[in-house]
């Protein structure tokens, strides 16, 4: 099953509280269960300035927050993180 998770924070990109760890843990558990998981979150300034290698995907998502460029990075657990450039 393909699962898309939309969240304002996700470890290791943006973390203000426990939500980031919960999203990361849930996504990782779903991947271990054989699912394909992608996580969408805003491209906060702190994410841009972390120096991570982000790749423009060309994908536009219909999420009522914005319709701007999306970037993605895959971590070692094969969870796709899609970051919205606000």
Foldseek 3Di string as FASTA:
>chain_A
DEEEAEDQEAPPQDDDDCVNVVVPVVLLVVVVVVYQAEYEHACDPSNVPPPDDWAFDPDFDPDVPDGATWTWDADPSNYIYIYHYD
